[in-house]
Amino acid sequence: MLPASAPTAILADDEPHMRAMLREQLEALWPALRVVGEAEDGVAALALIESVRPDIAFLDIRMPGVTGLQVARAMTAPTRLVFVTAFDAHAIEAFEVHALDYLLKPVDPVRLARLLARLRALMMPLPAATPEPDLARLAQALARLEAMPVTPPPAVRLQWLQVPMGGQVRVVHIDDVAFFESDLKYTRVVAGEVDGIIRLSLKQLAEQLDPACFVQTHRGTVVNRRQIHAVHRHGEIMELELKAMSVRLKVSQPNHHLFRAM
């Protein structure tokens, strides 16, 4: 059991699989750190920071509703900030709100380990979290947040995946993926020598993929058009031959029209 004085953190990211991967990295690199909450949008992140008052907040920048930068400007808790984002265009703004660091997705474990070592060295006792949130302070923080202009984030397509394989994590660019296959509530990723499971359902994944490049062969499989070498037809049966792979993917009857022109 960890002592009550163990350092605490919250994770804020609208992508559940990114929160899961970061949580796993933190558990491996800093076992004493307690993740005491997670949020998937800016308003929830601010409320969590103000109520829990963690030592560290790992914030995505582009989240639904309000951004991580707006959360940083509205918060009153003495929480140290680390931004974790897929975009490098906000680094200056991040340090203007006194962020300790700015990590790019996919998070490099070596880079993260160095940051955590620095955090441990810098960690000073913070005011103890109160049993109940200070509702007046939270209301003031939310009021400041509501007064900020709300701009919906642009649609962002998935670019990189971190795929666990054995004792390591392989980083795969989305263009290199041959196909995705449903595996209960998780998804199998096949890309060249990489064949592993990610903690994301096929439905959640499909929402982040470019529909011009990724199409369904049937309910449980999504294929990358760039990786299709040939389409084979045998009567009512249609199969896709993929580049540099022996496997052939069957296409369900309702999806035949997607591949007839290939």
Protein backbone atom coordinates (compact mmCIF):
# COMPACT_ATOMS: atom_id res chain seq x y z
CA MET A 1 0.00 0.00 0.00
CA LEU A 2 1.30 3.43 -0.91
CA PRO A 3 1.68 6.02 1.88
CA ALA A 4 -0.86 8.83 2.10
CA SER A 5 1.92 11.25 1.13
CA ALA A 6 2.56 9.53 -2.21
CA PRO A 7 2.64 12.03 -5.13
CA THR A 8 -0.60 12.28 -7.09
CA ALA A 9 -1.51 12.99 -10.72
CA ILE A 10 -4.49 13.29 -13.02
CA LEU A 11 -4.65 12.52 -16.75
CA ALA A 12 -6.75 14.58 -19.19
CA ASP A 13 -7.08 13.45 -22.79
CA ASP A 14 -10.12 12.89 -25.00
CA GLU A 15 -8.58 9.68 -26.40
CA PRO A 16 -9.08 6.80 -23.90
CA HIS A 17 -6.31 4.68 -25.40
CA MET A 18 -3.82 7.54 -25.03
CA ARG A 19 -4.74 7.89 -21.33
CA ALA A 20 -4.35 4.13 -20.91
CA MET A 21 -0.92 4.08 -22.55
CA LEU A 22 0.31 7.05 -20.51
CA ARG A 23 -1.02 5.48 -17.31
CA GLU A 24 0.86 2.25 -18.06
CA GLN A 25 4.08 4.17 -18.74
CA LEU A 26 3.73 6.11 -15.48
CA GLU A 27 3.09 2.90 -13.51
CA ALA A 28 6.24 1.37 -14.96
CA LEU A 29 8.49 4.42 -14.56
CA TRP A 30 7.19 5.84 -11.27
CA PRO A 31 5.31 3.19 -9.24
CA ALA A 32 4.87 5.54 -6.27
CA LEU A 33 2.87 8.04 -8.34
CA ARG A 34 -0.89 7.65 -7.77
CA VAL A 35 -3.18 8.51 -10.69
CA VAL A 36 -6.20 9.80 -8.76
CA GLY A 37 -8.46 10.76 -11.66
CA GLU A 38 -8.96 11.03 -15.41
CA ALA A 39 -10.89 13.46 -17.62
CA GLU A 40 -11.80 13.45 -21.30
CA ASP A 41 -12.55 17.15 -21.80
CA GLY A 42 -11.34 20.52 -20.55
CA VAL A 43 -14.22 21.35 -18.21
CA ALA A 44 -13.96 17.98 -16.47
CA ALA A 45 -10.17 18.40 -16.22
CA LEU A 46 -10.51 21.79 -14.50
CA ALA A 47 -13.12 20.46 -12.07
CA LEU A 48 -10.87 17.50 -11.25
CA ILE A 49 -7.81 19.67 -10.69
CA GLU A 50 -9.69 22.09 -8.44
CA SER A 51 -11.36 19.36 -6.38
CA VAL A 52 -8.55 16.80 -6.09
CA ARG A 53 -5.67 19.33 -6.26
CA PRO A 54 -3.10 16.78 -7.51
CA ASP A 55 0.63 17.34 -7.52
CA ILE A 56 0.83 16.91 -11.32
CA ALA A 57 -1.64 17.19 -14.21
CA PHE A 58 -0.85 15.61 -17.57
CA LEU A 59 -3.01 17.61 -19.99
CA ASP A 60 -3.75 17.20 -23.67
CA ILE A 61 -3.98 20.58 -25.41
CA ARG A 62 -6.75 19.98 -27.95
CA MET A 63 -9.74 18.62 -26.05
CA PRO A 64 -13.49 19.03 -26.65
CA GLY A 65 -15.04 22.27 -25.41
CA VAL A 66 -11.97 24.05 -24.06
CA THR A 67 -8.26 23.48 -24.47
CA GLY A 68 -5.66 22.39 -21.97
CA LEU A 69 -4.13 25.87 -22.22
CA GLN A 70 -7.45 27.42 -21.15
CA VAL A 71 -7.62 24.99 -18.24
CA ALA A 72 -4.11 26.07 -17.20
CA ARG A 73 -5.11 29.75 -17.24
CA ALA A 74 -8.30 29.16 -15.24
CA MET A 75 -7.03 26.80 -12.51
CA THR A 76 -6.09 27.99 -9.02
CA ALA A 77 -4.65 24.75 -7.62
CA PRO A 78 -0.83 24.67 -7.16
CA THR A 79 -0.60 21.75 -9.57
CA ARG A 80 2.41 21.22 -11.79
CA LEU A 81 1.49 20.99 -15.46
CA VAL A 82 2.82 18.72 -18.18
CA PHE A 83 1.27 18.97 -21.64
CA VAL A 84 1.04 15.80 -23.72
CA THR A 85 -0.05 16.53 -27.28
CA ALA A 86 0.24 15.46 -30.90
CA PHE A 87 1.00 19.04 -31.98
CA ASP A 88 4.18 21.07 -31.60
CA ALA A 89 2.62 24.44 -32.45
CA HIS A 90 1.70 25.39 -28.87
CA ALA A 91 5.03 24.96 -27.09
CA ILE A 92 5.56 28.68 -26.46
CA GLU A 93 2.03 29.09 -25.07
CA ALA A 94 2.53 26.05 -22.87
CA PHE A 95 5.58 27.53 -21.19
CA GLU A 96 3.81 30.89 -20.84
CA VAL A 97 1.39 29.16 -18.45
CA HIS A 98 4.41 27.74 -16.56
CA ALA A 99 4.19 24.17 -17.80
CA LEU A 100 7.07 21.99 -16.62
CA ASP A 101 7.32 20.18 -19.93
CA TYR A 102 5.74 19.62 -23.33
CA LEU A 103 5.67 16.02 -24.55
CA LEU A 104 4.74 15.02 -28.08
CA LYS A 105 2.65 11.94 -28.84
CA PRO A 106 3.53 9.15 -29.09
CA VAL A 107 5.34 9.70 -25.80
CA ASP A 108 8.97 8.59 -25.91
CA PRO A 109 9.59 6.45 -22.79
CA VAL A 110 13.14 7.77 -22.46
CA ARG A 111 11.91 11.38 -22.66
CA LEU A 112 9.19 10.63 -20.11
CA ALA A 113 11.66 8.93 -17.75
CA ARG A 114 13.87 12.04 -17.79
CA LEU A 115 10.88 14.27 -17.02
CA LEU A 116 9.76 12.06 -14.13
CA ALA A 117 13.27 12.07 -12.69
CA ARG A 118 13.21 15.87 -12.81
CA LEU A 119 9.76 15.94 -11.20
CA ARG A 120 10.91 13.72 -8.36
CA ALA A 121 13.88 16.02 -7.79
CA LEU A 122 11.71 19.15 -7.87
CA MET A 123 8.79 17.73 -5.89
CA MET A 124 8.08 19.82 -2.84
CA PRO A 125 5.25 19.27 -0.35
CA LEU A 126 2.04 20.86 -1.59
CA PRO A 127 -0.92 21.86 0.58
CA ALA A 128 -2.81 18.74 1.62
CA ALA A 129 -5.95 18.05 -0.37
CA THR A 130 -9.06 18.93 1.57
CA PRO A 131 -11.62 16.15 2.14
CA GLU A 132 -14.26 18.14 0.30
CA PRO A 133 -13.66 20.45 -2.69
CA ASP A 134 -13.75 24.19 -2.10
CA LEU A 135 -16.97 24.87 -4.01
CA ALA A 136 -16.50 28.63 -4.03
CA ARG A 137 -13.03 28.33 -5.56
CA LEU A 138 -14.27 25.77 -8.09
CA ALA A 139 -17.19 28.04 -9.06
CA GLN A 140 -14.80 30.95 -9.61
CA ALA A 141 -12.51 28.82 -11.77
CA LEU A 142 -15.44 27.52 -13.84
CA ALA A 143 -16.76 31.08 -14.26
CA ARG A 144 -13.40 32.18 -15.67
CA LEU A 145 -13.43 29.21 -17.98
CA GLU A 146 -16.95 29.96 -19.23
CA ALA A 147 -15.90 33.53 -20.00
CA MET A 148 -13.19 32.32 -22.36
CA PRO A 149 -14.02 31.96 -26.07
CA VAL A 150 -14.89 28.39 -26.97
CA THR A 151 -13.56 27.18 -30.29
CA PRO A 152 -14.21 23.62 -31.40
CA PRO A 153 -11.00 21.74 -32.12
CA PRO A 154 -10.34 20.84 -35.74
CA ALA A 155 -10.87 17.26 -36.78
CA VAL A 156 -7.63 15.42 -36.06
CA ARG A 157 -6.89 12.09 -37.69
CA LEU A 158 -4.94 9.42 -35.89
CA GLN A 159 -1.29 9.42 -36.99
CA TRP A 160 0.60 7.10 -34.65
CA LEU A 161 -0.18 3.98 -32.64
CA GLN A 162 1.67 2.43 -29.73
CA VAL A 163 1.23 -1.33 -30.00
CA PRO A 164 2.34 -3.58 -27.10
CA MET A 165 4.23 -6.68 -28.28
CA GLY A 166 5.68 -8.93 -25.63
CA GLY A 167 7.79 -6.82 -23.32
CA GLN A 168 8.03 -3.80 -25.60
CA VAL A 169 5.85 -1.17 -27.23
CA ARG A 170 6.15 -0.75 -31.01
CA VAL A 171 5.40 2.68 -32.50
CA VAL A 172 3.55 2.36 -35.82
CA HIS A 173 2.54 5.07 -38.28
CA ILE A 174 -1.05 4.75 -39.41
CA ASP A 175 -0.02 4.52 -43.10
CA ASP A 176 1.92 1.32 -42.36
CA VAL A 177 -1.08 -0.51 -40.87
CA ALA A 178 -2.42 -3.23 -43.20
CA PHE A 179 -5.64 -3.87 -41.34
CA PHE A 180 -7.44 -3.70 -37.99
CA GLU A 181 -9.48 -6.58 -36.63
CA SER A 182 -11.98 -6.53 -33.78
CA ASP A 183 -10.89 -8.50 -30.71
CA LEU A 184 -13.80 -8.25 -28.25
CA LYS A 185 -13.54 -4.72 -26.79
CA TYR A 186 -9.95 -4.33 -28.04
CA THR A 187 -8.49 -4.23 -31.57
CA ARG A 188 -5.80 -6.25 -33.30
CA VAL A 189 -3.31 -4.17 -35.31
CA VAL A 190 -1.43 -5.80 -38.19
CA ALA A 191 1.39 -3.80 -39.80
CA GLY A 192 4.32 -5.65 -41.36
CA GLU A 193 6.17 -7.34 -38.50
CA VAL A 194 3.84 -5.79 -35.92
CA ASP A 195 0.86 -7.85 -34.79
CA GLY A 196 -0.58 -6.79 -31.43
CA ILE A 197 -3.62 -5.67 -29.47
CA ILE A 198 -4.46 -2.09 -28.51
CA ARG A 199 -6.95 -1.06 -25.83
CA LEU A 200 -9.40 0.59 -28.19
CA SER A 201 -12.54 -0.81 -29.77
CA LEU A 202 -12.80 -0.96 -33.53
CA LYS A 203 -15.69 1.51 -33.41
CA GLN A 204 -13.65 4.04 -31.40
CA LEU A 205 -10.70 3.55 -33.71
CA ALA A 206 -12.76 3.97 -36.91
CA GLU A 207 -13.92 7.39 -35.70
CA GLN A 208 -10.30 8.60 -35.77
CA LEU A 209 -9.29 7.12 -39.13
CA ASP A 210 -9.39 8.83 -42.52
CA PRO A 211 -12.44 7.32 -44.30
CA ALA A 212 -10.77 7.94 -47.66
CA CYS A 213 -8.01 5.50 -46.72
CA PHE A 214 -9.58 3.01 -44.32
CA VAL A 215 -12.68 0.99 -45.26
CA GLN A 216 -14.48 -2.00 -43.77
CA THR A 217 -14.30 -5.39 -45.40
CA HIS A 218 -16.94 -6.60 -42.98
CA ARG A 219 -18.22 -5.76 -39.52
CA GLY A 220 -15.08 -6.86 -37.69
CA THR A 221 -12.30 -5.70 -40.05
CA VAL A 222 -11.06 -2.36 -41.38
CA VAL A 223 -8.44 -2.39 -44.15
CA ASN A 224 -5.98 0.24 -45.39
CA ARG A 225 -6.61 0.89 -49.10
CA ARG A 226 -2.91 1.69 -49.58
CA GLN A 227 -2.01 -1.83 -48.51
CA ILE A 228 -4.29 -3.65 -50.99
CA HIS A 229 -2.35 -5.43 -53.74
CA ALA A 230 -5.22 -7.12 -55.59
CA VAL A 231 -8.92 -7.96 -55.39
CA HIS A 232 -9.88 -11.58 -56.09
CA ARG A 233 -13.41 -12.64 -57.10
CA HIS A 234 -14.69 -16.22 -57.12
CA GLY A 235 -18.39 -16.13 -57.91
CA GLU A 236 -20.04 -14.46 -54.94
CA ILE A 237 -16.83 -14.52 -52.90
CA MET A 238 -14.50 -11.49 -52.83
CA GLU A 239 -11.10 -11.46 -51.14
CA LEU A 240 -8.41 -8.80 -50.75
CA GLU A 241 -4.76 -9.68 -51.25
CA LEU A 242 -2.51 -7.40 -49.18
CA LYS A 243 0.99 -6.24 -50.08
CA ALA A 244 3.83 -8.46 -48.79
CA MET A 245 1.37 -10.58 -46.80
CA SER A 246 0.08 -14.10 -47.36
CA VAL A 247 -3.23 -13.45 -45.62
CA ARG A 248 -6.34 -12.67 -47.67
CA LEU A 249 -9.25 -10.75 -46.18
CA LYS A 250 -12.78 -11.75 -47.08
CA VAL A 251 -15.21 -8.98 -48.03
CA SER A 252 -18.81 -9.28 -46.89
CA GLN A 253 -21.49 -9.03 -49.59
CA PRO A 254 -22.77 -5.56 -48.51
CA ASN A 255 -19.23 -4.17 -48.88
CA HIS A 256 -18.42 -5.58 -52.33
CA HIS A 257 -19.27 -2.27 -54.00
CA LEU A 258 -16.39 -0.58 -52.17
CA PHE A 259 -13.83 -2.65 -54.05
CA ARG A 260 -15.40 -3.28 -57.46
CA ALA A 261 -13.55 -0.36 -59.04
CA MET A 262 -10.14 -1.55 -57.80
